[in-house]
Amino acid sequence: MTDDVKPARRAYRSTKRADQVAQTRRDILASAGTLFRARGYAGVSMPVIAGESGVAVETIYRAFGSKTGLFKAVIDAAVAGGSTRADRPVEERPAIRAMIDEPDPRRQVEMYAATQPGIHRRSGPLLLALAGAAATDPELERLWREIEASRLEGQGRFVGMLAARGVLRTGLSVEDGRDGLWTLCSVVVFDMLVNSQGWPIDRYERWLADRLIDQLLD
């Protein structure tokens, strides 16, 4: 009887430990995100993040490898809408799943455009800080290039999906469609129109949807 119970207890302890590790990771990401947004990348040290998170500095290094790795994880969580969502495949996120399942291509593009304001509001300050710091820090420059390459790849998948469904604008290659989508959906364009020009979010979203429909669909 005792031997039968022990594996269940070990499994329980293992599950509890995994939950604690996941919660610690979420706490670190939340604290680091707040600090990075307030002070920028260079203005935040790992000991400060550790103090705000209530963990040892070594715990952060074990979880994220480096300050750059932590910064990337914060950006990934911001783009996804939270650290829990960031750990899920993109296709399983509700807004993306609904867009993939939408049969009307025009509505698909509108739904894609509708995801962008939230992403830019959450991650924009971090990405703009990264873009500025990348000019003088080779490690951050590599991170910026990695993030932009990942964004380009994801947007290429969306354009490829339109092409596979036979709705991509006649004569437009997947590569050209991808590059146009990547440009129009950049945080720089959002920053210029919303933050600099003072556009309301709904105006930006409608403008983006119209431009993407014009570019991608017949």
N, C-alpha and C. Protein backbone atom coordinates (compact mmCIF):
# COMPACT_ATOMS: atom_id res chain seq x y z
N MET A 1 0.83 -1.21 0.00
CA MET A 1 0.00 0.00 0.00
C MET A 1 0.86 1.25 0.00
N THR A 2 1.92 1.24 0.84
CA THR A 2 2.80 2.40 0.92
C THR A 2 3.49 2.65 -0.41
N ASP A 3 3.94 1.57 -1.06
CA ASP A 3 4.63 1.72 -2.33
C ASP A 3 3.72 2.29 -3.40
N ASP A 4 2.42 1.97 -3.32
CA ASP A 4 1.47 2.49 -4.31
C ASP A 4 1.26 3.99 -4.16
N VAL A 5 1.40 4.52 -2.94
CA VAL A 5 1.12 5.93 -2.67
C VAL A 5 2.29 6.82 -3.04
N LYS A 6 3.50 6.35 -2.88
CA LYS A 6 4.68 7.19 -3.06
C LYS A 6 4.78 7.85 -4.43
N PRO A 7 4.54 7.15 -5.54
CA PRO A 7 4.63 7.83 -6.84
C PRO A 7 3.67 8.99 -6.97
N ALA A 8 2.46 8.86 -6.43
CA ALA A 8 1.50 9.95 -6.49
C ALA A 8 2.00 11.14 -5.71
N ARG A 9 2.59 10.89 -4.55
CA ARG A 9 3.12 12.00 -3.76
C ARG A 9 4.26 12.69 -4.49
N ARG A 10 5.13 11.87 -5.11
CA ARG A 10 6.23 12.47 -5.85
C ARG A 10 5.71 13.30 -7.02
N ALA A 11 4.69 12.79 -7.70
CA ALA A 11 4.10 13.52 -8.81
C ALA A 11 3.49 14.83 -8.33
N TYR A 12 2.85 14.78 -7.16
CA TYR A 12 2.24 15.99 -6.60
C TYR A 12 3.32 17.03 -6.29
N ARG A 13 4.41 16.56 -5.65
CA ARG A 13 5.49 17.50 -5.33
C ARG A 13 6.11 18.07 -6.60
N SER A 14 6.25 17.23 -7.63
CA SER A 14 6.82 17.69 -8.88
C SER A 14 5.92 18.74 -9.54
N THR A 15 4.61 18.50 -9.53
CA THR A 15 3.66 19.46 -10.11
C THR A 15 3.67 20.77 -9.34
N LYS A 16 3.71 20.65 -8.00
CA LYS A 16 3.72 21.85 -7.17
C LYS A 16 4.99 22.66 -7.42
N ARG A 17 6.12 21.96 -7.55
CA ARG A 17 7.38 22.65 -7.81
C ARG A 17 7.33 23.35 -9.17
N ALA A 18 6.79 22.67 -10.20
CA ALA A 18 6.69 23.28 -11.52
C ALA A 18 5.80 24.52 -11.49
N ASP A 19 4.71 24.47 -10.72
CA ASP A 19 3.83 25.63 -10.59
C ASP A 19 4.56 26.79 -9.92
N GLN A 20 5.38 26.48 -8.92
CA GLN A 20 6.12 27.53 -8.23
C GLN A 20 7.15 28.18 -9.16
N VAL A 21 7.82 27.35 -9.96
CA VAL A 21 8.80 27.87 -10.91
C VAL A 21 8.12 28.77 -11.94
N ALA A 22 6.97 28.32 -12.44
CA ALA A 22 6.23 29.12 -13.43
C ALA A 22 5.77 30.44 -12.83
N GLN A 23 5.32 30.43 -11.57
CA GLN A 23 4.88 31.66 -10.94
C GLN A 23 6.05 32.60 -10.70
N THR A 24 7.18 32.05 -10.30
CA THR A 24 8.38 32.88 -10.11
C THR A 24 8.77 33.54 -11.43
N ARG A 25 8.69 32.79 -12.50
CA ARG A 25 9.02 33.35 -13.82
C ARG A 25 8.07 34.49 -14.17
N ARG A 26 6.78 34.30 -13.91
CA ARG A 26 5.81 35.36 -14.19
C ARG A 26 6.08 36.60 -13.35
N ASP A 27 6.44 36.40 -12.08
CA ASP A 27 6.74 37.52 -11.19
C ASP A 27 7.95 38.31 -11.69
N ILE A 28 8.97 37.59 -12.13
CA ILE A 28 10.18 38.25 -12.64
C ILE A 28 9.84 39.05 -13.90
N LEU A 29 9.08 38.45 -14.80
CA LEU A 29 8.71 39.15 -16.04
C LEU A 29 7.89 40.40 -15.75
N ALA A 30 6.97 40.29 -14.80
CA ALA A 30 6.13 41.45 -14.48
C ALA A 30 6.97 42.58 -13.89
N SER A 31 7.84 42.25 -12.96
CA SER A 31 8.69 43.28 -12.34
C SER A 31 9.66 43.88 -13.35
N ALA A 32 10.28 43.03 -14.14
CA ALA A 32 11.24 43.51 -15.14
C ALA A 32 10.54 44.38 -16.18
N GLY A 33 9.35 43.98 -16.60
CA GLY A 33 8.62 44.78 -17.58
C GLY A 33 8.31 46.17 -17.07
N THR A 34 7.87 46.26 -15.82
CA THR A 34 7.58 47.57 -15.23
C THR A 34 8.83 48.44 -15.17
N LEU A 35 9.94 47.84 -14.78
CA LEU A 35 11.19 48.59 -14.64
C LEU A 35 11.74 49.02 -16.00
N PHE A 36 11.73 48.11 -16.97
CA PHE A 36 12.25 48.44 -18.30
C PHE A 36 11.43 49.56 -18.94
N ARG A 37 10.12 49.51 -18.76
CA ARG A 37 9.28 50.57 -19.34
C ARG A 37 9.54 51.92 -18.68
N ALA A 38 9.81 51.90 -17.39
CA ALA A 38 10.00 53.15 -16.66
C ALA A 38 11.40 53.72 -16.84
N ARG A 39 12.41 52.85 -16.94
CA ARG A 39 13.79 53.32 -16.90
C ARG A 39 14.60 53.00 -18.15
N GLY A 40 14.04 52.22 -19.06
CA GLY A 40 14.80 51.80 -20.22
C GLY A 40 15.69 50.61 -19.90
N TYR A 41 16.34 50.09 -20.92
CA TYR A 41 17.17 48.90 -20.73
C TYR A 41 18.40 49.20 -19.88
N ALA A 42 19.14 50.24 -20.25
CA ALA A 42 20.39 50.55 -19.56
C ALA A 42 20.17 51.02 -18.13
N GLY A 43 18.99 51.55 -17.84
CA GLY A 43 18.74 52.11 -16.51
C GLY A 43 18.31 51.10 -15.46
N VAL A 44 18.29 49.83 -15.83
CA VAL A 44 17.84 48.80 -14.90
C VAL A 44 18.93 47.74 -14.75
N SER A 45 19.29 47.43 -13.52
CA SER A 45 20.29 46.40 -13.27
C SER A 45 19.60 45.11 -12.82
N MET A 46 20.32 44.02 -12.96
CA MET A 46 19.77 42.73 -12.54
C MET A 46 19.50 42.68 -11.03
N PRO A 47 20.38 43.23 -10.17
CA PRO A 47 20.05 43.25 -8.74
C PRO A 47 18.77 44.01 -8.43
N VAL A 48 18.51 45.10 -9.15
CA VAL A 48 17.27 45.85 -8.93
C VAL A 48 16.06 45.00 -9.32
N ILE A 49 16.15 44.32 -10.44
CA ILE A 49 15.06 43.45 -10.87
C ILE A 49 14.85 42.33 -9.86
N ALA A 50 15.94 41.76 -9.39
CA ALA A 50 15.83 40.69 -8.40
C ALA A 50 15.15 41.19 -7.13
N GLY A 51 15.54 42.39 -6.68
CA GLY A 51 14.92 42.95 -5.48
C GLY A 51 13.44 43.18 -5.64
N GLU A 52 13.04 43.71 -6.81
CA GLU A 52 11.62 43.94 -7.07
C GLU A 52 10.84 42.64 -7.19
N SER A 53 11.50 41.60 -7.68
CA SER A 53 10.84 40.31 -7.88
C SER A 53 10.84 39.45 -6.63
N GLY A 54 11.70 39.79 -5.65
CA GLY A 54 11.78 38.99 -4.44
C GLY A 54 12.54 37.69 -4.62
N VAL A 55 13.52 37.68 -5.55
CA VAL A 55 14.30 36.48 -5.80
C VAL A 55 15.78 36.84 -5.80
N ALA A 56 16.63 35.82 -5.84
CA ALA A 56 18.06 36.05 -5.95
C ALA A 56 18.42 36.33 -7.41
N VAL A 57 19.50 37.07 -7.60
CA VAL A 57 19.96 37.36 -8.96
C VAL A 57 20.24 36.07 -9.73
N GLU A 58 20.78 35.07 -9.04
CA GLU A 58 21.09 33.80 -9.68
C GLU A 58 19.84 33.12 -10.23
N THR A 59 18.72 33.32 -9.57
CA THR A 59 17.46 32.74 -10.05
C THR A 59 17.08 33.32 -11.41
N ILE A 60 17.29 34.61 -11.59
CA ILE A 60 16.98 35.24 -12.88
C ILE A 60 17.91 34.70 -13.96
N TYR A 61 19.18 34.56 -13.66
CA TYR A 61 20.12 34.05 -14.65
C TYR A 61 19.80 32.61 -15.02
N ARG A 62 19.39 31.80 -14.03
CA ARG A 62 19.02 30.41 -14.34
C ARG A 62 17.79 30.37 -15.25
N ALA A 63 16.86 31.27 -15.05
CA ALA A 63 15.61 31.25 -15.81
C ALA A 63 15.76 31.84 -17.20
N PHE A 64 16.60 32.89 -17.34
CA PHE A 64 16.63 33.63 -18.60
C PHE A 64 18.02 33.71 -19.25
N GLY A 65 19.04 33.28 -18.55
CA GLY A 65 20.37 33.23 -19.13
C GLY A 65 21.17 34.50 -19.03
N SER A 66 20.53 35.64 -19.29
CA SER A 66 21.24 36.92 -19.29
C SER A 66 20.21 38.03 -19.20
N LYS A 67 20.70 39.26 -19.03
CA LYS A 67 19.80 40.41 -19.03
C LYS A 67 19.13 40.56 -20.39
N THR A 68 19.88 40.32 -21.44
CA THR A 68 19.30 40.39 -22.78
C THR A 68 18.22 39.33 -22.96
N GLY A 69 18.48 38.12 -22.47
CA GLY A 69 17.48 37.06 -22.55
C GLY A 69 16.22 37.42 -21.78
N LEU A 70 16.38 38.05 -20.63
CA LEU A 70 15.23 38.50 -19.86
C LEU A 70 14.47 39.58 -20.61
N PHE A 71 15.18 40.52 -21.20
CA PHE A 71 14.53 41.60 -21.94
C PHE A 71 13.72 41.03 -23.11
N LYS A 72 14.28 40.05 -23.81
CA LYS A 72 13.56 39.43 -24.92
C LYS A 72 12.30 38.73 -24.40
N ALA A 73 12.40 38.05 -23.26
CA ALA A 73 11.23 37.36 -22.71
C ALA A 73 10.15 38.36 -22.31
N VAL A 74 10.55 39.52 -21.80
CA VAL A 74 9.59 40.57 -21.45
C VAL A 74 8.88 41.06 -22.72
N ILE A 75 9.63 41.26 -23.80
CA ILE A 75 9.03 41.71 -25.06
C ILE A 75 8.09 40.64 -25.61
N ASP A 76 8.53 39.37 -25.57
CA ASP A 76 7.68 38.28 -26.06
C ASP A 76 6.36 38.23 -25.30
N ALA A 77 6.43 38.39 -23.98
CA ALA A 77 5.22 38.37 -23.17
C ALA A 77 4.32 39.56 -23.49
N ALA A 78 4.94 40.72 -23.73
CA ALA A 78 4.15 41.91 -24.07
C ALA A 78 3.45 41.74 -25.41
N VAL A 79 4.14 41.19 -26.39
CA VAL A 79 3.54 40.97 -27.70
C VAL A 79 2.38 39.98 -27.61
N ALA A 80 2.59 38.91 -26.82
CA ALA A 80 1.57 37.86 -26.72
C ALA A 80 0.40 38.27 -25.84
N GLY A 81 0.59 39.25 -24.97
CA GLY A 81 -0.49 39.65 -24.07
C GLY A 81 -0.38 39.02 -22.70
N GLY A 82 0.81 38.56 -22.34
CA GLY A 82 1.02 37.97 -21.02
C GLY A 82 1.98 36.81 -21.12
N SER A 83 2.67 36.50 -20.00
CA SER A 83 3.69 35.46 -20.02
C SER A 83 3.09 34.08 -20.27
N THR A 84 1.85 33.85 -19.81
CA THR A 84 1.21 32.55 -20.05
C THR A 84 0.95 32.35 -21.53
N ARG A 85 0.43 33.38 -22.19
CA ARG A 85 0.16 33.28 -23.63
C ARG A 85 1.45 33.14 -24.42
N ALA A 86 2.52 33.77 -23.95
CA ALA A 86 3.78 33.72 -24.68
C ALA A 86 4.32 32.30 -24.77
N ASP A 87 3.95 31.44 -23.82
CA ASP A 87 4.41 30.06 -23.83
C ASP A 87 3.57 29.16 -24.73
N ARG A 88 2.47 29.69 -25.29
CA ARG A 88 1.60 28.90 -26.15
C ARG A 88 1.93 29.17 -27.61
N PRO A 89 1.76 28.17 -28.49
CA PRO A 89 1.96 28.42 -29.93
C PRO A 89 1.06 29.55 -30.40
N VAL A 90 1.57 30.34 -31.35
CA VAL A 90 0.82 31.49 -31.84
C VAL A 90 -0.56 31.08 -32.32
N GLU A 91 -0.66 29.93 -33.00
CA GLU A 91 -1.92 29.51 -33.59
C GLU A 91 -2.98 29.19 -32.53
N GLU A 92 -2.57 28.98 -31.28
CA GLU A 92 -3.53 28.65 -30.23
C GLU A 92 -4.05 29.88 -29.49
N ARG A 93 -3.52 31.06 -29.81
CA ARG A 93 -4.01 32.26 -29.17
C ARG A 93 -5.37 32.62 -29.77
N PRO A 94 -6.36 32.95 -28.93
CA PRO A 94 -7.74 33.09 -29.42
C PRO A 94 -7.92 34.02 -30.61
N ALA A 95 -7.32 35.22 -30.57
CA ALA A 95 -7.50 36.17 -31.67
C ALA A 95 -6.90 35.63 -32.96
N ILE A 96 -5.75 34.97 -32.86
CA ILE A 96 -5.11 34.42 -34.05
C ILE A 96 -5.90 33.23 -34.59
N ARG A 97 -6.40 32.39 -33.68
CA ARG A 97 -7.19 31.24 -34.11
C ARG A 97 -8.45 31.69 -34.83
N ALA A 98 -9.12 32.71 -34.29
CA ALA A 98 -10.33 33.22 -34.93
C ALA A 98 -10.03 33.79 -36.31
N MET A 99 -8.89 34.46 -36.43
CA MET A 99 -8.51 35.03 -37.73
C MET A 99 -8.22 33.93 -38.74
N ILE A 100 -7.53 32.89 -38.32
CA ILE A 100 -7.21 31.78 -39.22
C ILE A 100 -8.49 31.10 -39.70
N ASP A 101 -9.46 30.96 -38.82
CA ASP A 101 -10.70 30.25 -39.15
C ASP A 101 -11.71 31.11 -39.93
N GLU A 102 -11.45 32.40 -40.03
CA GLU A 102 -12.39 33.29 -40.72
C GLU A 102 -12.37 33.02 -42.24
N PRO A 103 -13.53 32.74 -42.85
CA PRO A 103 -13.55 32.40 -44.28
C PRO A 103 -13.47 33.61 -45.21
N ASP A 104 -13.83 34.80 -44.74
CA ASP A 104 -13.83 35.99 -45.60
C ASP A 104 -12.45 36.65 -45.57
N PRO A 105 -11.73 36.69 -46.70
CA PRO A 105 -10.35 37.23 -46.69
C PRO A 105 -10.29 38.69 -46.26
N ARG A 106 -11.27 39.50 -46.67
CA ARG A 106 -11.26 40.90 -46.26
C ARG A 106 -11.38 41.01 -44.74
N ARG A 107 -12.28 40.23 -44.19
CA ARG A 107 -12.45 40.23 -42.74
C ARG A 107 -11.20 39.69 -42.04
N GLN A 108 -10.53 38.71 -42.66
CA GLN A 108 -9.28 38.20 -42.10
C GLN A 108 -8.25 39.31 -41.94
N VAL A 109 -8.10 40.10 -43.00
CA VAL A 109 -7.12 41.18 -42.95
C VAL A 109 -7.53 42.22 -41.91
N GLU A 110 -8.81 42.52 -41.81
CA GLU A 110 -9.28 43.46 -40.78
C GLU A 110 -8.99 42.92 -39.38
N MET A 111 -9.18 41.63 -39.18
CA MET A 111 -8.90 41.03 -37.88
C MET A 111 -7.41 41.07 -37.57
N TYR A 112 -6.58 40.88 -38.62
CA TYR A 112 -5.14 41.00 -38.42
C TYR A 112 -4.77 42.41 -37.99
N ALA A 113 -5.32 43.40 -38.69
CA ALA A 113 -5.04 44.79 -38.33
C ALA A 113 -5.48 45.09 -36.91
N ALA A 114 -6.58 44.47 -36.47
CA ALA A 114 -7.11 44.73 -35.13
C ALA A 114 -6.19 44.21 -34.03
N THR A 115 -5.29 43.26 -34.35
CA THR A 115 -4.36 42.76 -33.33
C THR A 115 -3.21 43.73 -33.07
N GLN A 116 -2.96 44.63 -34.01
CA GLN A 116 -1.74 45.45 -33.93
C GLN A 116 -1.76 46.53 -32.85
N PRO A 117 -2.86 47.29 -32.65
CA PRO A 117 -2.81 48.33 -31.61
C PRO A 117 -2.46 47.79 -30.23
N GLY A 118 -3.06 46.66 -29.86
CA GLY A 118 -2.76 46.10 -28.55
C GLY A 118 -1.31 45.68 -28.41
N ILE A 119 -0.79 45.05 -29.46
CA ILE A 119 0.61 44.64 -29.45
C ILE A 119 1.52 45.85 -29.28
N HIS A 120 1.24 46.92 -30.03
CA HIS A 120 2.11 48.10 -29.97
C HIS A 120 1.97 48.85 -28.65
N ARG A 121 0.78 48.88 -28.10
CA ARG A 121 0.63 49.55 -26.79
C ARG A 121 1.42 48.81 -25.71
N ARG A 122 1.39 47.48 -25.77
CA ARG A 122 2.09 46.69 -24.74
C ARG A 122 3.59 46.66 -24.94
N SER A 123 4.02 46.49 -26.19
CA SER A 123 5.45 46.26 -26.45
C SER A 123 6.16 47.47 -27.04
N GLY A 124 5.40 48.47 -27.52
CA GLY A 124 6.02 49.61 -28.20
C GLY A 124 7.10 50.31 -27.40
N PRO A 125 6.84 50.70 -26.14
CA PRO A 125 7.89 51.38 -25.37
C PRO A 125 9.15 50.54 -25.23
N LEU A 126 8.98 49.21 -25.09
CA LEU A 126 10.14 48.33 -24.96
C LEU A 126 10.91 48.25 -26.28
N LEU A 127 10.18 48.09 -27.38
CA LEU A 127 10.83 47.96 -28.68
C LEU A 127 11.53 49.25 -29.10
N LEU A 128 10.92 50.39 -28.82
CA LEU A 128 11.55 51.65 -29.17
C LEU A 128 12.80 51.88 -28.33
N ALA A 129 12.74 51.49 -27.07
CA ALA A 129 13.93 51.58 -26.22
C ALA A 129 15.03 50.66 -26.73
N LEU A 130 14.63 49.47 -27.16
CA LEU A 130 15.60 48.53 -27.71
C LEU A 130 16.22 49.07 -28.99
N ALA A 131 15.40 49.63 -29.87
CA ALA A 131 15.91 50.16 -31.14
C ALA A 131 16.94 51.26 -30.89
N GLY A 132 16.67 52.10 -29.90
CA GLY A 132 17.62 53.16 -29.59
C GLY A 132 18.91 52.64 -29.00
N ALA A 133 18.80 51.67 -28.10
CA ALA A 133 20.00 51.12 -27.44
C ALA A 133 20.81 50.24 -28.38
N ALA A 134 20.15 49.64 -29.38
CA ALA A 134 20.85 48.73 -30.29
C ALA A 134 21.93 49.43 -31.09
N ALA A 135 21.82 50.74 -31.24
CA ALA A 135 22.80 51.49 -32.03
C ALA A 135 24.18 51.46 -31.40
N THR A 136 24.25 51.26 -30.10
CA THR A 136 25.54 51.32 -29.41
C THR A 136 25.90 50.02 -28.69
N ASP A 137 25.05 49.01 -28.78
CA ASP A 137 25.31 47.76 -28.06
C ASP A 137 25.14 46.59 -29.04
N PRO A 138 26.21 45.91 -29.40
CA PRO A 138 26.12 44.82 -30.38
C PRO A 138 25.16 43.70 -29.96
N GLU A 139 25.13 43.39 -28.66
CA GLU A 139 24.23 42.34 -28.20
C GLU A 139 22.77 42.73 -28.38
N LEU A 140 22.46 43.99 -28.09
CA LEU A 140 21.09 44.46 -28.29
C LEU A 140 20.76 44.59 -29.77
N GLU A 141 21.75 44.92 -30.58
CA GLU A 141 21.52 44.97 -32.02
C GLU A 141 21.15 43.58 -32.54
N ARG A 142 21.82 42.53 -32.04
CA ARG A 142 21.47 41.17 -32.44
C ARG A 142 20.06 40.83 -32.00
N LEU A 143 19.70 41.26 -30.78
CA LEU A 143 18.35 41.00 -30.28
C LEU A 143 17.31 41.69 -31.15
N TRP A 144 17.57 42.96 -31.51
CA TRP A 144 16.64 43.69 -32.38
C TRP A 144 16.46 42.97 -33.72
N ARG A 145 17.57 42.54 -34.31
CA ARG A 145 17.50 41.84 -35.59
C ARG A 145 16.74 40.52 -35.44
N GLU A 146 16.96 39.84 -34.32
CA GLU A 146 16.26 38.57 -34.08
C GLU A 146 14.75 38.78 -33.96
N ILE A 147 14.36 39.82 -33.23
CA ILE A 147 12.93 40.11 -33.05
C ILE A 147 12.29 40.49 -34.39
N GLU A 148 12.98 41.33 -35.15
CA GLU A 148 12.43 41.75 -36.44
C GLU A 148 12.38 40.58 -37.42
N ALA A 149 13.36 39.69 -37.37
CA ALA A 149 13.35 38.51 -38.24
C ALA A 149 12.18 37.59 -37.87
N SER A 150 11.91 37.46 -36.59
CA SER A 150 10.79 36.64 -36.13
C SER A 150 9.46 37.26 -36.58
N ARG A 151 9.36 38.58 -36.49
CA ARG A 151 8.14 39.27 -36.92
C ARG A 151 7.95 39.09 -38.43
N LEU A 152 9.02 39.22 -39.19
CA LEU A 152 8.96 39.05 -40.64
C LEU A 152 8.51 37.63 -40.99
N GLU A 153 9.02 36.66 -40.27
CA GLU A 153 8.64 35.26 -40.52
C GLU A 153 7.15 35.05 -40.24
N GLY A 154 6.68 35.57 -39.11
CA GLY A 154 5.27 35.40 -38.77
C GLY A 154 4.36 36.08 -39.77
N GLN A 155 4.72 37.25 -40.22
CA GLN A 155 3.89 37.96 -41.19
C GLN A 155 3.96 37.30 -42.57
N GLY A 156 5.08 36.65 -42.85
CA GLY A 156 5.17 35.87 -44.08
C GLY A 156 4.21 34.69 -44.05
N ARG A 157 4.01 34.09 -42.87
CA ARG A 157 3.07 32.98 -42.75
C ARG A 157 1.64 33.45 -43.05
N PHE A 158 1.31 34.65 -42.57
CA PHE A 158 -0.04 35.17 -42.83
C PHE A 158 -0.25 35.40 -44.33
N VAL A 159 0.71 36.04 -44.98
CA VAL A 159 0.58 36.28 -46.42
C VAL A 159 0.58 34.95 -47.17
N GLY A 160 1.40 33.99 -46.72
CA GLY A 160 1.40 32.68 -47.34
C GLY A 160 0.05 31.98 -47.22
N MET A 161 -0.62 32.19 -46.11
CA MET A 161 -1.95 31.62 -45.93
C MET A 161 -2.93 32.22 -46.94
N LEU A 162 -2.86 33.54 -47.14
CA LEU A 162 -3.72 34.17 -48.14
C LEU A 162 -3.42 33.62 -49.54
N ALA A 163 -2.14 33.42 -49.83
CA ALA A 163 -1.77 32.88 -51.14
C ALA A 163 -2.29 31.46 -51.31
N ALA A 164 -2.18 30.65 -50.25
CA ALA A 164 -2.65 29.26 -50.32
C ALA A 164 -4.15 29.19 -50.54
N ARG A 165 -4.87 30.18 -50.08
CA ARG A 165 -6.32 30.21 -50.27
C ARG A 165 -6.72 30.85 -51.59
N GLY A 166 -5.74 31.31 -52.34
CA GLY A 166 -6.01 31.87 -53.66
C GLY A 166 -6.61 33.25 -53.64
N VAL A 167 -6.37 34.01 -52.56
CA VAL A 167 -6.98 35.34 -52.47
C VAL A 167 -5.94 36.46 -52.48
N LEU A 168 -4.66 36.11 -52.56
CA LEU A 168 -3.63 37.15 -52.60
C LEU A 168 -3.75 37.92 -53.91
N ARG A 169 -3.52 39.22 -53.86
CA ARG A 169 -3.68 40.07 -55.03
C ARG A 169 -2.91 39.53 -56.23
N THR A 170 -3.54 39.54 -57.37
CA THR A 170 -2.95 39.02 -58.59
C THR A 170 -1.63 39.74 -58.90
N GLY A 171 -0.60 38.96 -59.14
CA GLY A 171 0.71 39.51 -59.47
C GLY A 171 1.58 39.84 -58.27
N LEU A 172 1.04 39.73 -57.06
CA LEU A 172 1.82 40.04 -55.84
C LEU A 172 2.46 38.76 -55.32
N SER A 173 3.78 38.79 -55.17
CA SER A 173 4.47 37.63 -54.62
C SER A 173 4.30 37.59 -53.11
N VAL A 174 4.45 36.42 -52.54
CA VAL A 174 4.37 36.28 -51.08
C VAL A 174 5.44 37.14 -50.42
N GLU A 175 6.63 37.18 -51.01
CA GLU A 175 7.73 37.94 -50.41
C GLU A 175 7.42 39.44 -50.41
N ASP A 176 6.90 39.97 -51.52
CA ASP A 176 6.58 41.39 -51.56
C ASP A 176 5.42 41.72 -50.62
N GLY A 177 4.43 40.84 -50.58
CA GLY A 177 3.31 41.04 -49.65
C GLY A 177 3.77 41.01 -48.21
N ARG A 178 4.66 40.08 -47.90
CA ARG A 178 5.23 39.98 -46.55
C ARG A 178 5.99 41.24 -46.18
N ASP A 179 6.81 41.73 -47.08
CA ASP A 179 7.61 42.92 -46.77
C ASP A 179 6.74 44.15 -46.56
N GLY A 180 5.67 44.27 -47.35
CA GLY A 180 4.76 45.39 -47.16
C GLY A 180 4.02 45.31 -45.83
N LEU A 181 3.57 44.11 -45.48
CA LEU A 181 2.90 43.90 -44.20
C LEU A 181 3.84 44.21 -43.05
N TRP A 182 5.07 43.74 -43.14
CA TRP A 182 6.09 43.96 -42.11
C TRP A 182 6.34 45.45 -41.91
N THR A 183 6.35 46.20 -43.00
CA THR A 183 6.58 47.65 -42.92
C THR A 183 5.39 48.38 -42.30
N LEU A 184 4.21 48.12 -42.83
CA LEU A 184 3.02 48.85 -42.36
C LEU A 184 2.70 48.54 -40.90
N CYS A 185 3.00 47.33 -40.46
CA CYS A 185 2.68 46.93 -39.09
C CYS A 185 3.81 47.20 -38.10
N SER A 186 4.82 47.92 -38.50
CA SER A 186 5.96 48.16 -37.61
C SER A 186 5.59 49.11 -36.48
N VAL A 187 6.32 48.99 -35.39
CA VAL A 187 6.09 49.88 -34.25
C VAL A 187 6.46 51.31 -34.59
N VAL A 188 7.36 51.50 -35.56
CA VAL A 188 7.75 52.84 -35.97
C VAL A 188 6.57 53.57 -36.60
N VAL A 189 5.83 52.90 -37.47
CA VAL A 189 4.65 53.52 -38.10
C VAL A 189 3.60 53.83 -37.04
N PHE A 190 3.36 52.90 -36.14
CA PHE A 190 2.40 53.13 -35.06
C PHE A 190 2.82 54.33 -34.23
N ASP A 191 4.10 54.42 -33.89
CA ASP A 191 4.60 55.51 -33.07
C ASP A 191 4.43 56.85 -33.78
N MET A 192 4.69 56.89 -35.08
CA MET A 192 4.55 58.14 -35.82
C MET A 192 3.10 58.61 -35.87
N LEU A 193 2.19 57.68 -36.15
CA LEU A 193 0.80 58.08 -36.34
C LEU A 193 0.05 58.30 -35.03
N VAL A 194 0.24 57.40 -34.07
CA VAL A 194 -0.53 57.48 -32.82
C VAL A 194 0.15 58.38 -31.80
N ASN A 195 1.43 58.18 -31.57
CA ASN A 195 2.12 58.95 -30.53
C ASN A 195 2.54 60.34 -31.01
N SER A 196 3.06 60.43 -32.22
CA SER A 196 3.52 61.73 -32.72
C SER A 196 2.38 62.57 -33.30
N GLN A 197 1.54 61.96 -34.11
CA GLN A 197 0.47 62.69 -34.78
C GLN A 197 -0.84 62.71 -33.99
N GLY A 198 -0.89 61.91 -32.93
CA GLY A 198 -2.06 61.94 -32.06
C GLY A 198 -3.30 61.26 -32.61
N TRP A 199 -3.12 60.31 -33.55
CA TRP A 199 -4.27 59.60 -34.08
C TRP A 199 -4.94 58.77 -32.99
N PRO A 200 -6.27 58.75 -32.93
CA PRO A 200 -6.95 57.79 -32.06
C PRO A 200 -6.69 56.36 -32.54
N ILE A 201 -6.76 55.41 -31.63
CA ILE A 201 -6.46 54.02 -31.97
C ILE A 201 -7.39 53.50 -33.06
N ASP A 202 -8.68 53.85 -32.99
CA ASP A 202 -9.61 53.33 -33.99
C ASP A 202 -9.29 53.87 -35.39
N ARG A 203 -8.80 55.12 -35.46
CA ARG A 203 -8.39 55.66 -36.77
C ARG A 203 -7.18 54.92 -37.31
N TYR A 204 -6.20 54.67 -36.45
CA TYR A 204 -5.02 53.92 -36.87
C TYR A 204 -5.42 52.52 -37.35
N GLU A 205 -6.26 51.85 -36.60
CA GLU A 205 -6.67 50.50 -36.96
C GLU A 205 -7.38 50.47 -38.31
N ARG A 206 -8.29 51.44 -38.56
CA ARG A 206 -9.01 51.49 -39.83
C ARG A 206 -8.06 51.80 -40.98
N TRP A 207 -7.15 52.75 -40.74
CA TRP A 207 -6.16 53.10 -41.77
C TRP A 207 -5.32 51.88 -42.12
N LEU A 208 -4.85 51.16 -41.09
CA LEU A 208 -4.01 49.99 -41.33
C LEU A 208 -4.78 48.92 -42.09
N ALA A 209 -6.01 48.65 -41.68
CA ALA A 209 -6.82 47.64 -42.37
C ALA A 209 -7.01 48.01 -43.84
N ASP A 210 -7.32 49.27 -44.11
CA ASP A 210 -7.54 49.71 -45.50
C ASP A 210 -6.27 49.56 -46.33
N ARG A 211 -5.13 49.95 -45.76
CA ARG A 211 -3.88 49.85 -46.51
C ARG A 211 -3.54 48.38 -46.79
N LEU A 212 -3.76 47.52 -45.82
CA LEU A 212 -3.44 46.11 -46.00
C LEU A 212 -4.38 45.45 -47.01
N ILE A 213 -5.64 45.81 -46.95
CA ILE A 213 -6.59 45.25 -47.93
C ILE A 213 -6.20 45.69 -49.34
N ASP A 214 -5.87 46.96 -49.50
CA ASP A 214 -5.45 47.47 -50.81
C ASP A 214 -4.22 46.74 -51.33
N GLN A 215 -3.30 46.47 -50.42
CA GLN A 215 -2.04 45.88 -50.85
C GLN A 215 -2.14 44.38 -51.09
N LEU A 216 -2.89 43.68 -50.24
CA LEU A 216 -2.84 42.22 -50.25
C LEU A 216 -3.94 41.55 -51.06
N LEU A 217 -5.08 42.19 -51.21
CA LEU A 217 -6.23 41.52 -51.82
C LEU A 217 -6.62 42.19 -53.13
N ASP A 218 -7.22 41.41 -54.03
CA ASP A 218 -7.77 41.98 -55.27
C ASP A 218 -8.98 42.81 -54.94
